[in-house]
Protein backbone atom coordinates (compact mmCIF):
# COMPACT_ATOMS: atom_id res chain seq x y z
CA MET A 1 8.58 -24.44 -7.46
CA ARG A 2 9.95 -22.74 -4.37
CA GLU A 3 7.59 -21.75 -1.59
CA ILE A 4 7.50 -18.18 -0.28
CA GLN A 5 7.92 -18.56 3.47
CA ASP A 6 9.35 -15.23 4.65
CA ILE A 7 8.07 -12.05 2.97
CA ASP A 8 10.69 -9.78 4.56
CA ARG A 9 13.49 -12.03 3.37
CA LEU A 10 11.92 -12.14 -0.09
CA VAL A 11 11.77 -8.34 -0.26
CA ASP A 12 15.41 -8.09 0.84
CA GLY A 13 16.35 -10.53 -1.94
CA TYR A 14 14.36 -8.48 -4.44
CA LEU A 15 16.16 -5.30 -3.34
CA ALA A 16 19.52 -7.01 -3.83
CA TYR A 17 18.40 -8.16 -7.29
CA LEU A 18 17.50 -4.57 -8.25
CA THR A 19 20.80 -3.07 -7.15
CA LEU A 20 23.27 -5.85 -7.90
CA GLN A 21 21.84 -7.51 -11.01
CA ARG A 22 19.82 -4.74 -12.64
CA GLY A 23 22.15 -1.97 -11.51
CA LEU A 24 19.38 0.40 -10.40
CA ALA A 25 20.30 3.42 -8.32
CA ASP A 26 19.65 3.06 -4.58
CA ASN A 27 16.82 5.64 -4.59
CA THR A 28 15.03 3.86 -7.46
CA ALA A 29 15.45 0.44 -5.87
CA LEU A 30 14.10 1.69 -2.52
CA ALA A 31 11.10 3.27 -4.26
CA TYR A 32 10.37 -0.07 -5.98
CA ARG A 33 10.68 -1.86 -2.65
CA ASP A 34 8.18 0.52 -1.02
CA ASP A 35 5.76 0.03 -3.92
CA VAL A 36 6.03 -3.74 -3.55
CA ARG A 37 5.18 -3.42 0.13
CA LYS A 38 2.02 -1.54 -0.89
CA LEU A 39 1.07 -4.48 -3.09
CA ILE A 40 1.84 -7.00 -0.31
CA SER A 41 -0.32 -5.01 2.11
CA TYR A 42 -3.14 -5.05 -0.44
CA ILE A 43 -3.02 -8.79 -1.14
CA CYS A 44 -2.93 -9.50 2.61
CA ARG A 45 -6.20 -7.58 2.91
CA GLU A 46 -7.54 -9.66 0.05
CA GLU A 47 -6.46 -12.82 1.93
CA THR A 48 -4.33 -14.15 -0.90
CA THR A 49 -0.58 -14.62 -1.43
CA LEU A 50 2.03 -13.41 -3.92
CA ALA A 51 2.18 -16.86 -5.47
CA ASP A 52 -1.58 -16.78 -6.11
CA VAL A 53 -1.82 -13.25 -7.53
CA THR A 54 -3.57 -13.03 -10.89
CA TYR A 55 -3.78 -10.37 -13.55
CA ASP A 56 -7.24 -9.42 -12.25
CA THR A 57 -5.79 -8.96 -8.74
CA LEU A 58 -3.19 -6.56 -10.09
CA GLN A 59 -5.76 -4.66 -12.16
CA THR A 60 -7.91 -4.17 -9.06
CA PHE A 61 -4.86 -3.01 -7.08
CA VAL A 62 -3.96 -0.43 -9.74
CA ALA A 63 -7.59 0.75 -9.85
CA GLU A 64 -7.43 1.31 -6.10
CA LEU A 65 -4.32 3.46 -6.54
CA HIS A 66 -6.29 5.61 -8.98
CA ASP A 67 -9.23 5.85 -6.60
CA LEU A 68 -6.89 7.02 -3.84
CA GLY A 69 -5.88 9.96 -6.03
CA ILE A 70 -2.32 8.78 -6.71
CA GLY A 71 -0.96 10.59 -9.75
CA VAL A 72 -0.40 9.02 -13.16
CA ASN A 73 3.39 9.22 -12.93
CA SER A 74 3.38 7.56 -9.50
CA GLN A 75 1.01 4.87 -10.80
CA SER A 76 3.43 4.19 -13.66
CA ARG A 77 6.33 3.79 -11.25
CA VAL A 78 4.31 1.41 -9.05
CA ILE A 79 3.44 -0.71 -12.09
CA SER A 80 7.12 -0.77 -13.11
CA GLY A 81 7.97 -2.04 -9.62
CA ILE A 82 5.25 -4.71 -9.77
CA LYS A 83 6.41 -5.98 -13.16
CA SER A 84 9.99 -6.05 -11.92
CA LEU A 85 8.95 -7.99 -8.81
CA PHE A 86 7.15 -10.72 -10.74
CA ARG A 87 10.06 -10.97 -13.16
CA TYR A 88 12.25 -11.61 -10.12
CA LEU A 89 9.79 -14.18 -8.67
CA ARG A 90 9.84 -16.07 -11.94
CA LEU A 91 13.63 -15.99 -12.20
CA GLU A 92 13.88 -17.37 -8.68
CA HIS A 93 11.27 -20.07 -9.45
CA PHE A 94 8.69 -18.82 -6.94
CA ILE A 95 6.06 -18.68 -9.69
CA GLU A 96 5.62 -20.40 -13.06
CA THR A 97 3.78 -17.66 -14.95
CA ASP A 98 4.00 -13.90 -14.69
CA PRO A 99 0.58 -12.31 -13.98
CA SER A 100 1.93 -8.82 -14.68
CA LEU A 101 2.87 -9.38 -18.33
CA LEU A 102 -0.28 -7.73 -19.71
CA LEU A 103 -0.35 -4.98 -17.07
CA LYS A 104 -0.11 -1.59 -18.79
CA LYS A 105 0.94 1.77 -17.47
CA PRO A 106 -1.57 4.64 -17.67
CA ARG A 107 -1.03 7.00 -20.56
CA THR A 108 0.70 10.23 -19.72
CA GLY A 109 0.86 13.38 -21.77
CA THR A 110 4.17 15.07 -22.48
CA ARG A 111 4.73 17.28 -19.47
CA LEU A 112 7.19 20.00 -20.31
CA PRO A 113 9.57 20.90 -17.50
CA GLU A 114 9.76 24.41 -16.07
CA VAL A 115 12.71 26.39 -17.42
CA LEU A 116 14.45 29.45 -16.02
CA SER A 117 15.87 32.20 -18.17
CA VAL A 118 19.54 33.13 -17.88
CA GLU A 119 18.45 36.37 -16.21
CA GLU A 120 16.42 34.49 -13.60
CA ILE A 121 19.37 32.23 -12.80
CA ASP A 122 21.60 35.31 -12.48
CA ASP A 123 19.02 36.88 -10.14
CA MET A 124 19.03 33.76 -7.93
CA ILE A 125 22.82 33.82 -7.69
CA ALA A 126 22.74 37.55 -6.94
CA ALA A 127 20.25 36.82 -4.12
CA ILE A 128 22.84 34.80 -2.17
CA PRO A 129 23.75 36.89 0.92
CA ALA A 130 27.34 37.99 0.30
CA GLY A 131 28.41 37.91 3.95
CA SER A 132 27.02 34.49 4.87
CA PRO A 133 29.47 31.63 5.60
CA ALA A 134 27.74 29.48 2.97
CA ALA A 135 27.76 32.16 0.25
CA LEU A 136 30.69 30.80 -1.77
CA ARG A 137 29.50 27.21 -1.41
CA ASN A 138 25.97 28.07 -2.56
CA ARG A 139 27.26 30.06 -5.53
CA ALA A 140 29.39 27.07 -6.51
CA ILE A 141 26.35 24.78 -6.13
CA MET A 142 24.20 27.00 -8.35
CA GLU A 143 26.86 27.31 -11.04
CA THR A 144 27.59 23.57 -10.98
CA LEU A 145 23.92 22.52 -11.19
CA TYR A 146 23.30 24.94 -14.05
CA GLY A 147 26.73 24.89 -15.70
CA CYS A 148 27.06 21.09 -15.72
CA GLY A 149 23.41 19.97 -15.80
CA LEU A 150 23.84 17.62 -12.84
CA ARG A 151 21.10 15.70 -11.07
CA VAL A 152 20.80 16.67 -7.42
CA SER A 153 21.97 13.18 -6.37
CA GLU A 154 25.07 13.61 -8.56
CA LEU A 155 25.81 16.96 -6.96
CA VAL A 156 25.56 15.86 -3.33
CA ASN A 157 27.75 12.80 -4.02
CA LEU A 158 30.32 14.63 -6.14
CA GLU A 159 33.85 13.60 -5.10
CA LEU A 160 36.95 15.76 -4.93
CA SER A 161 39.00 13.04 -6.59
CA LYS A 162 36.76 13.23 -9.64
CA VAL A 163 36.86 17.00 -10.11
CA TYR A 164 39.60 18.16 -12.51
CA LEU A 165 39.69 21.93 -12.16
CA ASP A 166 42.66 22.60 -14.44
CA GLU A 167 41.17 20.54 -17.26
CA ARG A 168 37.67 21.83 -16.38
CA TYR A 169 35.75 18.58 -16.28
CA LEU A 170 34.30 16.30 -13.63
CA ILE A 171 33.21 12.68 -13.48
CA VAL A 172 29.86 11.83 -11.93
CA ALA A 173 28.11 8.58 -11.11
CA GLY A 174 24.68 8.80 -12.71
CA LYS A 175 21.71 6.43 -12.78
CA GLY A 176 22.63 2.79 -12.52
CA ALA A 177 26.06 3.83 -11.14
CA LYS A 178 27.17 4.65 -14.71
CA GLU A 179 29.97 7.20 -14.76
CA ARG A 180 30.20 9.98 -17.32
CA MET A 181 32.52 12.89 -17.95
CA VAL A 182 30.94 16.34 -17.84
CA PRO A 183 32.68 19.55 -19.00
CA MET A 184 32.66 22.42 -16.51
CA SER A 185 32.14 26.09 -17.23
CA GLU A 186 35.01 28.40 -16.30
CA ILE A 187 32.98 30.03 -13.51
CA SER A 188 31.89 26.73 -11.93
CA ALA A 189 35.51 25.47 -11.91
CA GLU A 190 36.68 28.76 -10.43
CA LEU A 191 34.06 28.79 -7.67
CA ILE A 192 34.61 25.15 -6.69
CA GLY A 193 38.34 25.84 -6.50
CA GLU A 194 37.78 28.88 -4.26
CA TYR A 195 35.32 27.00 -2.06
CA VAL A 196 37.58 23.96 -1.59
CA ALA A 197 40.64 26.14 -0.88
CA GLY A 198 38.69 28.42 1.44
CA PRO A 199 35.45 27.81 3.42
CA ARG A 200 35.45 24.03 2.97
CA GLY A 201 38.88 23.85 4.59
CA ASP A 202 37.53 25.57 7.70
CA VAL A 203 34.95 22.83 8.31
CA THR A 204 35.61 19.83 10.55
CA VAL A 205 34.89 17.01 8.11
CA SER A 206 32.76 14.12 9.36
CA ARG A 207 34.09 10.60 9.20
CA GLY A 208 33.85 9.10 5.73
CA GLU A 209 33.07 12.45 4.05
CA GLY A 210 36.63 13.59 3.31
CA ASN A 211 36.27 13.09 -0.45
CA ILE A 212 32.88 14.83 -0.78
CA VAL A 213 32.97 18.28 -2.40
CA PHE A 214 29.98 20.08 -0.89
CA LEU A 215 29.65 19.89 2.89
CA SER A 216 27.29 21.29 5.51
CA ASN A 217 28.63 23.43 8.34
CA ARG A 218 28.77 20.20 10.37
CA GLY A 219 31.11 18.58 7.89
CA ALA A 220 28.65 16.09 6.35
CA ARG A 221 27.57 15.89 2.73
CA LEU A 222 24.49 17.94 1.94
CA THR A 223 21.21 16.09 1.62
CA ARG A 224 18.94 16.32 -1.41
CA GLN A 225 16.39 18.13 0.75
CA MET A 226 18.95 20.75 1.78
CA ILE A 227 19.65 21.49 -1.89
CA PHE A 228 15.90 21.79 -2.54
CA THR A 229 15.65 24.26 0.34
CA ILE A 230 18.59 26.36 -0.89
CA ILE A 231 17.18 26.56 -4.43
CA ARG A 232 13.67 27.46 -3.34
CA GLN A 233 14.87 30.11 -0.88
CA LEU A 234 16.98 31.74 -3.58
CA ALA A 235 14.07 31.66 -6.05
CA SER A 236 11.84 33.32 -3.46
CA ALA A 237 14.49 35.95 -2.68
CA ALA A 238 14.85 36.67 -6.41
CA GLY A 239 11.09 37.13 -6.77
CA ILE A 240 10.64 34.11 -9.03
CA ALA A 241 7.11 32.75 -8.79
CA LYS A 242 7.73 29.57 -10.81
CA LYS A 243 7.57 26.26 -8.98
CA ILE A 244 11.16 25.12 -9.26
CA SER A 245 13.58 22.57 -7.87
CA PRO A 246 17.26 21.69 -8.42
CA HIS A 247 16.11 19.71 -11.47
CA THR A 248 14.87 22.99 -12.99
CA LEU A 249 18.49 24.10 -13.33
CA ARG A 250 19.28 20.86 -15.17
CA HIS A 251 16.33 21.45 -17.53
CA SER A 252 17.47 25.04 -18.07
CA PHE A 253 21.02 23.84 -18.83
CA ALA A 254 19.75 21.50 -21.55
CA THR A 255 17.27 24.01 -23.00
CA HIS A 256 19.83 26.81 -23.21
CA LEU A 257 22.34 24.48 -24.88
CA LEU A 258 19.75 23.49 -27.47
CA GLU A 259 18.80 27.12 -28.06
CA GLY A 260 22.49 27.92 -28.51
CA GLY A 261 22.77 25.34 -31.28
CA ALA A 262 24.22 22.35 -29.40
CA ASN A 263 23.77 18.93 -30.98
CA LEU A 264 21.03 16.83 -29.33
CA ARG A 265 23.35 13.82 -29.08
CA ALA A 266 25.94 15.92 -27.24
CA ILE A 267 23.26 17.11 -24.81
CA GLN A 268 22.19 13.49 -24.30
CA GLN A 269 25.75 12.52 -23.35
CA MET A 270 26.19 15.45 -20.97
CA LEU A 271 22.88 14.73 -19.23
CA GLY A 272 23.59 11.00 -19.03
CA HIS A 273 20.33 10.00 -20.72
CA GLU A 274 20.38 6.37 -21.78
CA SER A 275 17.85 7.02 -24.54
CA ILE A 276 17.80 9.95 -26.97
CA ALA A 277 13.99 9.90 -26.59
CA THR A 278 14.41 11.29 -23.06
CA THR A 279 16.50 14.17 -24.36
CA GLU A 280 14.05 14.94 -27.17
CA ILE A 281 11.57 16.44 -24.70
CA TYR A 282 13.66 19.61 -24.92
CA LEU A 283 12.69 19.96 -28.56
CA ASN A 284 9.16 20.78 -27.35
CA ILE A 285 10.11 23.40 -24.78
CA ASP A 286 10.60 26.51 -26.88
CA ARG A 287 8.74 26.28 -30.17
CA SER A 288 9.02 30.04 -30.66
CA HIS A 289 12.82 29.80 -30.55
CA LEU A 290 12.84 27.00 -33.12
CA ARG A 291 10.47 28.94 -35.36
CA LYS A 292 12.74 32.00 -35.10
CA GLU A 293 15.76 29.84 -36.02
CA ILE A 294 13.99 28.55 -39.13
CA ILE A 295 12.90 32.02 -40.18
CA GLU A 296 16.41 33.44 -39.76
CA HIS A 297 18.52 30.58 -41.11
CA HIS A 298 16.54 28.50 -43.62
CA PRO A 299 17.81 29.31 -47.16
CA ARG A 300 14.27 29.85 -48.50
CA ASN A 301 13.57 32.50 -45.89
CA ILE A 302 16.97 34.13 -46.38
CA ARG A 303 16.31 34.41 -50.13
CA ILE A 304 12.86 35.93 -49.55
CA ARG A 305 14.30 38.50 -47.12
CA ASN A 306 17.04 39.39 -49.61
CA ASP A 307 14.48 39.82 -52.39
CA VAL A 308 12.41 42.12 -50.17
CA ASP A 309 15.48 44.17 -49.20
CA GLN A 310 16.48 44.56 -52.86
CA SER A 311 12.97 45.65 -53.86
CA ASP A 312 13.08 48.35 -51.20
C-alpha cells in the first residue's frame, strides 16, 4: 500500500480525478474538495489519519455536521464527497478497504421548487428600466433563462459560436461538460441578436472573453452572483414576494412546458437531466393542473359531461 505523505498533494490529485476521470463540473469538484478538507480538519482534531479512518469515525463526523445545524441537502453532498474520496484512495492503493461503503445519506423529502407564473415573468421583464445601458442585455438574459431553461452556469458561459440565431437553437455545456442542443424561442433569439449587434459591440471586451455572449460593462463575462442579483432586483421591482433565483426560471420553463402538454422525455433532454427521475419532480408541482387535465380530457369524464348536457 502507498503511504499518504502530503495531504495537499493528495487533495490536488483527488481534484484532478474528479474533473478528468469522473468528468464532474468544476463547481461540483471544488465543492467536494472543500468537503474533504472539512473531513481532514476533523480527523486531525481526532489525532488520526485518512488511512486509519473507520466507519465509526465517519459516522461521528456526519453527526457533528448535524449538530452544527448543517442542512440535510448539504450533509448529503458532504457524504457524496467522502464516498468519492475513499473510492479514489482505494483506486490509488492508499487504503485496502473502503470505510465509507455503508455510510448512508440522510433522508430528504421531496422539496418542490418555487415556480413563477407567466404573468410574473412578464412583470419582471417589464420592470427592467427601459433607458438603462443594460436593459437589452437583461431582457435577453431573462428570455434565455426562461425560454431555454438554462442553468445559470450555462448562461454565463454561453458562447457566440454556439448560438445559431437563424436556426433558433443553441448548444450549451451542461453538467460533466456534456453538450446538448436547446431550441430557442423566437423572442430570445431576437433579443440576443439585437444585443450582440448593438450594446455588446460598444463594450471593450476583456482578453479571452471575445466568444462569450453576455458581458458586463467592463467586458468580462457575468458572474453567477451578478445574475442572482439581477433576477432578485427585478423580482423586487415587480412586487414578487417569492424567494427566487435564476434556477426558478428554469423550473418555471419545465413546469410550463409540462402544463402545455410537452412530453416528459423531451423536457428531460432540454434540461439536460441525466436521469428521468430528476425531471419527474415536475409532475408533483401542479396537481390541480393535472386534475383539471384529467377532468377535461379523460374519455370517461367527457362522456359524463355529454350525458349531463343532453339531459339538460
